Amino acid sequence: MHPLPFLGNIGLAAAALRNYALSLAEVLRGRGVHVGHVPISAALAPGSPASPEAVAEAHWSLHTGRDRHEVILGDLAVVRAAIAAHTVEA
């Protein structure tokens, strides 16, 4: 969803997966198949916007609601701030 330079290698795969999932959703619309995608921009930890419970709920809401194809968990600004706090300038 949002490029981060140090994740460039996995970013390619994540972008391709998102494109594939949303393309499938469009192609399969009206055929009884629902495709969903849950990109995560937060730590997978208790109390996080991407806690295990939040991830499970996002997938469940996509499955039962079938009213959207994507649920984004987390906040990129928070991720960038956490990275900046742990980055040492050379």
N, C-alpha and C. Protein backbone atom coordinates (compact mmCIF):
# COMPACT_ATOMS: atom_id res chain seq x y z
N MET A 1 0.83 -1.20 0.00
CA MET A 1 0.00 0.00 0.00
C MET A 1 0.86 1.25 0.00
N HIS A 2 1.89 1.25 0.85
CA HIS A 2 2.73 2.43 1.01
C HIS A 2 4.19 1.99 1.00
N PRO A 3 4.97 2.42 0.02
CA PRO A 3 6.35 1.96 -0.08
C PRO A 3 7.23 2.43 1.07
N LEU A 4 8.03 1.53 1.57
CA LEU A 4 9.06 1.85 2.55
C LEU A 4 10.37 1.33 1.97
N PRO A 5 11.36 2.18 1.80
CA PRO A 5 12.60 1.79 1.12
C PRO A 5 13.25 0.52 1.65
N PHE A 6 13.28 0.32 2.95
CA PHE A 6 13.95 -0.86 3.49
C PHE A 6 13.16 -2.15 3.28
N LEU A 7 11.94 -2.02 2.84
CA LEU A 7 11.11 -3.20 2.54
C LEU A 7 10.88 -3.34 1.04
N GLY A 8 11.75 -2.76 0.25
CA GLY A 8 11.59 -2.78 -1.20
C GLY A 8 11.48 -4.17 -1.78
N ASN A 9 12.25 -5.11 -1.26
CA ASN A 9 12.20 -6.46 -1.82
C ASN A 9 10.85 -7.13 -1.58
N ILE A 10 10.33 -7.07 -0.38
CA ILE A 10 9.03 -7.68 -0.11
C ILE A 10 7.89 -6.81 -0.64
N GLY A 11 8.16 -5.51 -0.80
CA GLY A 11 7.15 -4.61 -1.34
C GLY A 11 6.69 -5.01 -2.73
N LEU A 12 7.63 -5.50 -3.53
CA LEU A 12 7.27 -5.97 -4.88
C LEU A 12 6.25 -7.10 -4.82
N ALA A 13 6.51 -8.07 -3.97
CA ALA A 13 5.60 -9.20 -3.83
C ALA A 13 4.26 -8.77 -3.24
N ALA A 14 4.29 -7.88 -2.25
CA ALA A 14 3.06 -7.42 -1.62
C ALA A 14 2.20 -6.64 -2.61
N ALA A 15 2.82 -5.80 -3.42
CA ALA A 15 2.08 -5.03 -4.42
C ALA A 15 1.48 -5.96 -5.47
N ALA A 16 2.23 -6.97 -5.87
CA ALA A 16 1.72 -7.93 -6.85
C ALA A 16 0.55 -8.71 -6.28
N LEU A 17 0.65 -9.12 -5.03
CA LEU A 17 -0.45 -9.86 -4.40
C LEU A 17 -1.70 -9.00 -4.32
N ARG A 18 -1.55 -7.73 -3.93
CA ARG A 18 -2.70 -6.83 -3.85
C ARG A 18 -3.34 -6.65 -5.22
N ASN A 19 -2.52 -6.41 -6.23
CA ASN A 19 -3.04 -6.24 -7.58
C ASN A 19 -3.78 -7.50 -8.04
N TYR A 20 -3.20 -8.66 -7.78
CA TYR A 20 -3.82 -9.92 -8.18
C TYR A 20 -5.15 -10.13 -7.47
N ALA A 21 -5.17 -9.90 -6.15
CA ALA A 21 -6.40 -10.09 -5.38
C ALA A 21 -7.51 -9.15 -5.85
N LEU A 22 -7.19 -7.88 -6.04
CA LEU A 22 -8.21 -6.93 -6.46
C LEU A 22 -8.64 -7.17 -7.91
N SER A 23 -7.73 -7.65 -8.74
CA SER A 23 -8.10 -8.01 -10.12
C SER A 23 -9.02 -9.22 -10.13
N LEU A 24 -8.70 -10.22 -9.31
CA LEU A 24 -9.58 -11.39 -9.21
C LEU A 24 -10.97 -10.99 -8.71
N ALA A 25 -10.99 -10.09 -7.74
CA ALA A 25 -12.28 -9.63 -7.21
C ALA A 25 -13.13 -9.04 -8.32
N GLU A 26 -12.51 -8.25 -9.17
CA GLU A 26 -13.24 -7.63 -10.28
C GLU A 26 -13.72 -8.67 -11.30
N VAL A 27 -12.85 -9.58 -11.68
CA VAL A 27 -13.17 -10.59 -12.69
C VAL A 27 -14.24 -11.56 -12.19
N LEU A 28 -14.20 -11.89 -10.89
CA LEU A 28 -15.12 -12.89 -10.35
C LEU A 28 -16.40 -12.29 -9.79
N ARG A 29 -16.52 -10.97 -9.85
CA ARG A 29 -17.74 -10.31 -9.38
C ARG A 29 -18.94 -10.91 -10.10
N GLY A 30 -19.96 -11.22 -9.36
CA GLY A 30 -21.19 -11.75 -9.96
C GLY A 30 -21.16 -13.25 -10.22
N ARG A 31 -20.08 -13.92 -9.84
CA ARG A 31 -19.99 -15.37 -10.06
C ARG A 31 -20.06 -16.15 -8.75
N GLY A 32 -20.40 -15.48 -7.67
CA GLY A 32 -20.51 -16.15 -6.39
C GLY A 32 -19.20 -16.34 -5.65
N VAL A 33 -18.13 -15.74 -6.16
CA VAL A 33 -16.82 -15.85 -5.51
C VAL A 33 -16.44 -14.47 -4.99
N HIS A 34 -16.13 -14.39 -3.71
CA HIS A 34 -15.70 -13.12 -3.13
C HIS A 34 -14.21 -13.21 -2.81
N VAL A 35 -13.46 -12.21 -3.22
CA VAL A 35 -12.02 -12.16 -2.97
C VAL A 35 -11.74 -10.98 -2.05
N GLY A 36 -10.97 -11.22 -1.00
CA GLY A 36 -10.62 -10.16 -0.07
C GLY A 36 -9.12 -10.10 0.17
N HIS A 37 -8.67 -8.93 0.60
CA HIS A 37 -7.24 -8.69 0.85
C HIS A 37 -7.12 -7.87 2.11
N VAL A 38 -6.19 -8.27 2.99
CA VAL A 38 -5.99 -7.56 4.25
C VAL A 38 -4.51 -7.15 4.38
N PRO A 39 -4.14 -5.97 3.86
CA PRO A 39 -2.77 -5.50 4.05
C PRO A 39 -2.59 -5.01 5.49
N ILE A 40 -1.41 -5.28 6.05
CA ILE A 40 -1.15 -4.96 7.45
C ILE A 40 0.00 -3.96 7.54
N SER A 41 -0.28 -2.81 8.14
CA SER A 41 0.73 -1.75 8.35
C SER A 41 0.86 -1.48 9.83
N ALA A 42 1.11 -2.53 10.59
CA ALA A 42 1.26 -2.40 12.04
C ALA A 42 1.92 -3.67 12.56
N ALA A 43 2.35 -3.60 13.80
CA ALA A 43 2.94 -4.78 14.43
C ALA A 43 1.85 -5.81 14.70
N LEU A 44 2.17 -7.06 14.47
CA LEU A 44 1.25 -8.14 14.82
C LEU A 44 1.47 -8.46 16.29
N ALA A 45 0.78 -7.70 17.15
CA ALA A 45 1.00 -7.82 18.58
C ALA A 45 -0.28 -7.44 19.33
N PRO A 46 -0.45 -7.98 20.52
CA PRO A 46 -1.61 -7.59 21.32
C PRO A 46 -1.66 -6.08 21.51
N GLY A 47 -2.85 -5.51 21.40
CA GLY A 47 -3.02 -4.07 21.57
C GLY A 47 -2.74 -3.26 20.33
N SER A 48 -2.20 -3.87 19.31
CA SER A 48 -1.89 -3.20 18.04
C SER A 48 -3.14 -3.17 17.16
N PRO A 49 -3.20 -2.23 16.20
CA PRO A 49 -4.30 -2.26 15.22
C PRO A 49 -4.31 -3.57 14.42
N ALA A 50 -3.18 -4.29 14.47
CA ALA A 50 -3.09 -5.58 13.78
C ALA A 50 -2.88 -6.70 14.80
N SER A 51 -3.58 -6.61 15.92
CA SER A 51 -3.52 -7.70 16.89
C SER A 51 -4.08 -8.96 16.24
N PRO A 52 -3.76 -10.12 16.76
CA PRO A 52 -4.33 -11.34 16.18
C PRO A 52 -5.85 -11.29 16.09
N GLU A 53 -6.48 -10.70 17.08
CA GLU A 53 -7.94 -10.59 17.06
C GLU A 53 -8.42 -9.67 15.94
N ALA A 54 -7.71 -8.56 15.73
CA ALA A 54 -8.08 -7.61 14.67
C ALA A 54 -7.89 -8.24 13.29
N VAL A 55 -6.82 -9.01 13.12
CA VAL A 55 -6.59 -9.68 11.84
C VAL A 55 -7.71 -10.69 11.58
N ALA A 56 -8.05 -11.47 12.60
CA ALA A 56 -9.12 -12.45 12.45
C ALA A 56 -10.45 -11.75 12.13
N GLU A 57 -10.74 -10.67 12.83
CA GLU A 57 -11.99 -9.94 12.61
C GLU A 57 -12.04 -9.35 11.20
N ALA A 58 -10.92 -8.84 10.72
CA ALA A 58 -10.89 -8.27 9.36
C ALA A 58 -11.22 -9.35 8.33
N HIS A 59 -10.61 -10.51 8.47
CA HIS A 59 -10.90 -11.59 7.53
C HIS A 59 -12.36 -12.06 7.66
N TRP A 60 -12.83 -12.17 8.89
CA TRP A 60 -14.21 -12.62 9.10
C TRP A 60 -15.21 -11.61 8.52
N SER A 61 -14.94 -10.32 8.71
CA SER A 61 -15.87 -9.31 8.18
C SER A 61 -15.88 -9.31 6.65
N LEU A 62 -14.73 -9.57 6.03
CA LEU A 62 -14.72 -9.69 4.57
C LEU A 62 -15.53 -10.89 4.12
N HIS A 63 -15.38 -11.99 4.84
CA HIS A 63 -16.07 -13.23 4.48
C HIS A 63 -17.59 -13.11 4.66
N THR A 64 -18.00 -12.57 5.79
CA THR A 64 -19.44 -12.51 6.07
C THR A 64 -20.12 -11.32 5.41
N GLY A 65 -19.44 -10.18 5.35
CA GLY A 65 -20.06 -8.98 4.80
C GLY A 65 -20.10 -8.97 3.29
N ARG A 66 -19.01 -9.38 2.66
CA ARG A 66 -18.90 -9.39 1.20
C ARG A 66 -19.28 -8.04 0.58
N ASP A 67 -19.05 -6.96 1.34
CA ASP A 67 -19.41 -5.62 0.87
C ASP A 67 -18.20 -4.80 0.42
N ARG A 68 -17.02 -5.39 0.54
CA ARG A 68 -15.78 -4.72 0.13
C ARG A 68 -14.74 -5.80 -0.14
N HIS A 69 -13.62 -5.39 -0.71
CA HIS A 69 -12.59 -6.36 -1.06
C HIS A 69 -11.29 -6.14 -0.31
N GLU A 70 -11.24 -5.09 0.51
CA GLU A 70 -9.99 -4.80 1.21
C GLU A 70 -10.27 -4.16 2.56
N VAL A 71 -9.53 -4.60 3.56
CA VAL A 71 -9.54 -3.99 4.88
C VAL A 71 -8.08 -3.73 5.23
N ILE A 72 -7.73 -2.48 5.45
CA ILE A 72 -6.35 -2.10 5.76
C ILE A 72 -6.22 -1.98 7.27
N LEU A 73 -5.27 -2.71 7.83
CA LEU A 73 -5.04 -2.67 9.27
C LEU A 73 -3.78 -1.87 9.56
N GLY A 74 -3.89 -0.90 10.45
CA GLY A 74 -2.73 -0.12 10.86
C GLY A 74 -2.72 1.26 10.26
N ASP A 75 -1.70 1.99 10.63
CA ASP A 75 -1.54 3.38 10.22
C ASP A 75 -0.09 3.58 9.80
N LEU A 76 0.12 3.93 8.55
CA LEU A 76 1.47 4.07 8.03
C LEU A 76 2.27 5.12 8.80
N ALA A 77 1.64 6.19 9.23
CA ALA A 77 2.36 7.24 9.97
C ALA A 77 2.94 6.68 11.26
N VAL A 78 2.20 5.81 11.91
CA VAL A 78 2.69 5.19 13.15
C VAL A 78 3.87 4.27 12.85
N VAL A 79 3.77 3.52 11.76
CA VAL A 79 4.87 2.62 11.36
C VAL A 79 6.13 3.44 11.06
N ARG A 80 5.99 4.50 10.28
CA ARG A 80 7.15 5.33 9.93
C ARG A 80 7.78 5.95 11.19
N ALA A 81 6.96 6.41 12.12
CA ALA A 81 7.49 7.00 13.36
C ALA A 81 8.25 5.97 14.17
N ALA A 82 7.74 4.75 14.24
CA ALA A 82 8.42 3.69 15.00
C ALA A 82 9.75 3.35 14.34
N ILE A 83 9.77 3.31 13.03
CA ILE A 83 11.01 3.02 12.31
C ILE A 83 12.02 4.14 12.52
N ALA A 84 11.57 5.37 12.43
CA ALA A 84 12.45 6.53 12.62
C ALA A 84 13.05 6.53 14.04
N ALA A 85 12.26 6.12 15.01
CA ALA A 85 12.74 6.10 16.39
C ALA A 85 13.83 5.06 16.61
N HIS A 86 13.87 4.04 15.74
CA HIS A 86 14.85 2.98 15.90
C HIS A 86 15.95 3.01 14.82
N THR A 87 15.96 4.06 14.02
CA THR A 87 16.95 4.18 12.96
C THR A 87 18.09 5.07 13.44
N VAL A 88 19.28 4.59 13.26
CA VAL A 88 20.47 5.35 13.65
C VAL A 88 21.06 5.97 12.39
N GLU A 89 21.24 7.28 12.42
CA GLU A 89 21.88 7.98 11.31
C GLU A 89 23.36 7.69 11.30
N ALA A 90 23.94 7.47 10.12
CA ALA A 90 25.38 7.18 10.03
C ALA A 90 26.19 8.45 10.02
